[in-house]
Amino acid sequence: MLQLKLITENDLEFVRQLRNANRKWFFDSQEISPEQQKKWFKSLYSGDLRFRFYIIWLDDQRAGTVSRKYLKQDVTEIGNLMLIPEAQGKGIMTDVIRKLRVRDNHFYIAFVKPSNKKSLAVFERAGFARIK
């Protein structure tokens, strides 16, 4: 069963390891230390209720991450897409993105490195149009 749960402190090492393993796909590709991860987590929800960072759970196991940020009243960014290798290629992330697109008449965006073909394909399958 697929579930999205808000990140907790217990998820930090999972996220850090997954992020470091996939860092080449991020615009900021530096390796994250445990201390940096804790600092990031503490600042994560410091008053900004527009940003949500989710852990993707599949059959009671952590399978990945995704985030949603409301940029304006009618614009939302979806990002931080990561899956463990065992969960890739099964349509899970496409389903997750579709679940996050809950508002009608709303504009959803994602910023993806052009070299990240997998993420580009996932967003296109989820209904996004590519703008160069």
Protein backbone atom coordinates (compact mmCIF):
# COMPACT_ATOMS: atom_id res chain seq x y z
CA MET A 1 0.00 0.00 0.00
CA LEU A 2 1.33 3.42 -0.99
CA GLN A 3 1.31 6.17 1.65
CA LEU A 4 2.77 9.66 2.02
CA LYS A 5 3.76 10.67 5.55
CA LEU A 6 5.38 13.88 6.70
CA ILE A 7 9.07 13.47 7.49
CA THR A 8 10.00 12.86 11.12
CA GLU A 9 13.33 12.95 12.90
CA ASN A 10 13.42 9.14 12.63
CA ASP A 11 13.56 9.49 8.84
CA LEU A 12 16.63 11.72 8.69
CA GLU A 13 19.31 9.10 8.09
CA PHE A 14 17.20 7.38 5.43
CA VAL A 15 16.71 10.70 3.61
CA ARG A 16 20.37 11.68 3.97
CA GLN A 17 21.64 8.41 2.54
CA LEU A 18 19.12 8.45 -0.30
CA ARG A 19 19.91 12.09 -1.08
CA ASN A 20 23.66 11.48 -1.11
CA ALA A 21 23.23 8.44 -3.36
CA ASN A 22 21.22 10.58 -5.80
CA ARG A 23 23.02 13.88 -5.38
CA LYS A 24 24.15 14.13 -9.00
CA TRP A 25 20.51 14.76 -9.96
CA PHE A 26 20.15 17.78 -7.67
CA PHE A 27 21.10 21.34 -8.58
CA ASP A 28 23.06 21.47 -5.30
CA SER A 29 25.00 18.21 -5.54
CA GLN A 30 27.22 18.45 -2.48
CA GLU A 31 27.28 15.55 -0.03
CA ILE A 32 25.16 16.08 3.08
CA SER A 33 26.61 15.31 6.53
CA PRO A 34 24.50 14.08 9.47
CA GLU A 35 24.91 17.48 11.12
CA GLN A 36 23.75 19.32 7.99
CA GLN A 37 20.76 17.01 7.74
CA LYS A 38 19.74 17.72 11.34
CA LYS A 39 20.10 21.46 10.79
CA TRP A 40 17.99 21.24 7.62
CA PHE A 41 15.30 19.30 9.47
CA LYS A 42 15.15 21.84 12.32
CA SER A 43 14.63 24.65 9.83
CA LEU A 44 12.24 22.66 7.65
CA TYR A 45 8.97 23.85 9.12
CA SER A 46 10.08 26.99 10.90
CA GLY A 47 6.89 28.90 10.21
CA ASP A 48 6.55 28.02 6.52
CA LEU A 49 3.31 26.09 6.30
CA ARG A 50 3.47 26.14 2.50
CA PHE A 51 6.25 23.51 2.31
CA ARG A 52 5.77 19.82 3.00
CA PHE A 53 8.42 17.09 2.75
CA TYR A 54 7.02 13.57 2.56
CA ILE A 55 8.41 10.09 3.02
CA ILE A 56 6.92 7.65 0.54
CA TRP A 57 5.98 4.42 2.28
CA LEU A 58 5.30 1.24 0.36
CA ASP A 59 4.00 -1.77 2.26
CA ASP A 60 5.16 -0.35 5.61
CA GLN A 61 8.70 0.40 4.38
CA ARG A 62 10.30 3.67 3.41
CA ALA A 63 10.61 3.78 -0.37
CA GLY A 64 11.47 7.40 -1.17
CA THR A 65 10.76 11.10 -0.83
CA VAL A 66 8.83 13.92 -2.49
CA SER A 67 8.02 17.49 -1.54
CA ARG A 68 5.31 20.03 -2.28
CA LYS A 69 5.65 23.80 -1.91
CA TYR A 70 2.92 26.33 -2.50
CA LEU A 71 4.70 29.22 -4.20
CA LYS A 72 1.66 31.40 -4.84
CA GLN A 73 -2.05 31.01 -4.36
CA ASP A 74 -2.38 29.03 -7.58
CA VAL A 75 1.18 27.72 -8.16
CA THR A 76 2.77 24.67 -6.51
CA GLU A 77 6.23 23.19 -6.98
CA ILE A 78 6.77 19.44 -6.69
CA GLY A 79 10.31 18.23 -6.09
CA ASN A 80 12.78 16.10 -4.14
CA LEU A 81 11.81 12.97 -6.04
CA MET A 82 13.84 10.00 -4.86
CA LEU A 83 13.14 6.29 -4.70
CA ILE A 84 15.15 3.38 -3.43
CA PRO A 85 16.38 1.20 -6.32
CA GLU A 86 13.92 -1.62 -5.50
CA ALA A 87 10.95 0.75 -5.98
CA GLN A 88 12.06 2.26 -9.29
CA GLY A 89 10.43 1.43 -12.60
CA LYS A 90 7.07 0.45 -11.11
CA GLY A 91 5.10 3.67 -11.66
CA ILE A 92 5.20 4.57 -7.97
CA MET A 93 6.55 8.11 -8.41
CA THR A 94 4.06 8.86 -11.20
CA ASP A 95 1.26 7.83 -8.82
CA VAL A 96 2.75 9.95 -6.02
CA ILE A 97 2.90 13.06 -8.20
CA ARG A 98 -0.68 12.53 -9.32
CA LYS A 99 -1.74 12.28 -5.66
CA LEU A 100 -0.04 15.61 -4.92
CA ARG A 101 -1.84 17.35 -7.77
CA VAL A 102 -5.04 17.77 -5.81
CA ARG A 103 -6.21 21.23 -6.81
CA ASP A 104 -8.18 21.86 -9.98
CA ASN A 105 -7.34 25.03 -11.93
CA HIS A 106 -3.93 25.06 -10.29
CA PHE A 107 -0.53 25.35 -11.95
CA TYR A 108 2.08 22.76 -10.91
CA ILE A 109 5.77 23.15 -11.71
CA ALA A 110 8.99 21.21 -11.24
CA PHE A 111 12.60 22.21 -11.78
CA VAL A 112 14.58 19.29 -13.21
CA LYS A 113 18.11 19.08 -14.55
CA PRO A 114 17.93 18.44 -18.31
CA SER A 115 20.23 15.44 -17.87
CA ASN A 116 17.80 13.80 -15.42
CA LYS A 117 15.86 11.84 -18.03
CA LYS A 118 14.09 9.61 -15.48
CA SER A 119 12.58 12.54 -13.57
CA LEU A 120 11.62 14.31 -16.77
CA ALA A 121 9.81 11.17 -17.95
CA VAL A 122 8.03 10.74 -14.60
CA PHE A 123 6.73 14.31 -14.67
CA GLU A 124 5.58 13.93 -18.26
CA ARG A 125 3.72 10.69 -17.39
CA ALA A 126 2.09 12.55 -14.51
CA GLY A 127 0.74 15.21 -16.87
CA PHE A 128 3.43 17.90 -16.82
CA ALA A 129 4.50 19.63 -20.05
CA ARG A 130 8.20 20.25 -20.61
CA ILE A 131 9.23 23.89 -20.98
CA LYS A 132 12.77 24.61 -22.09
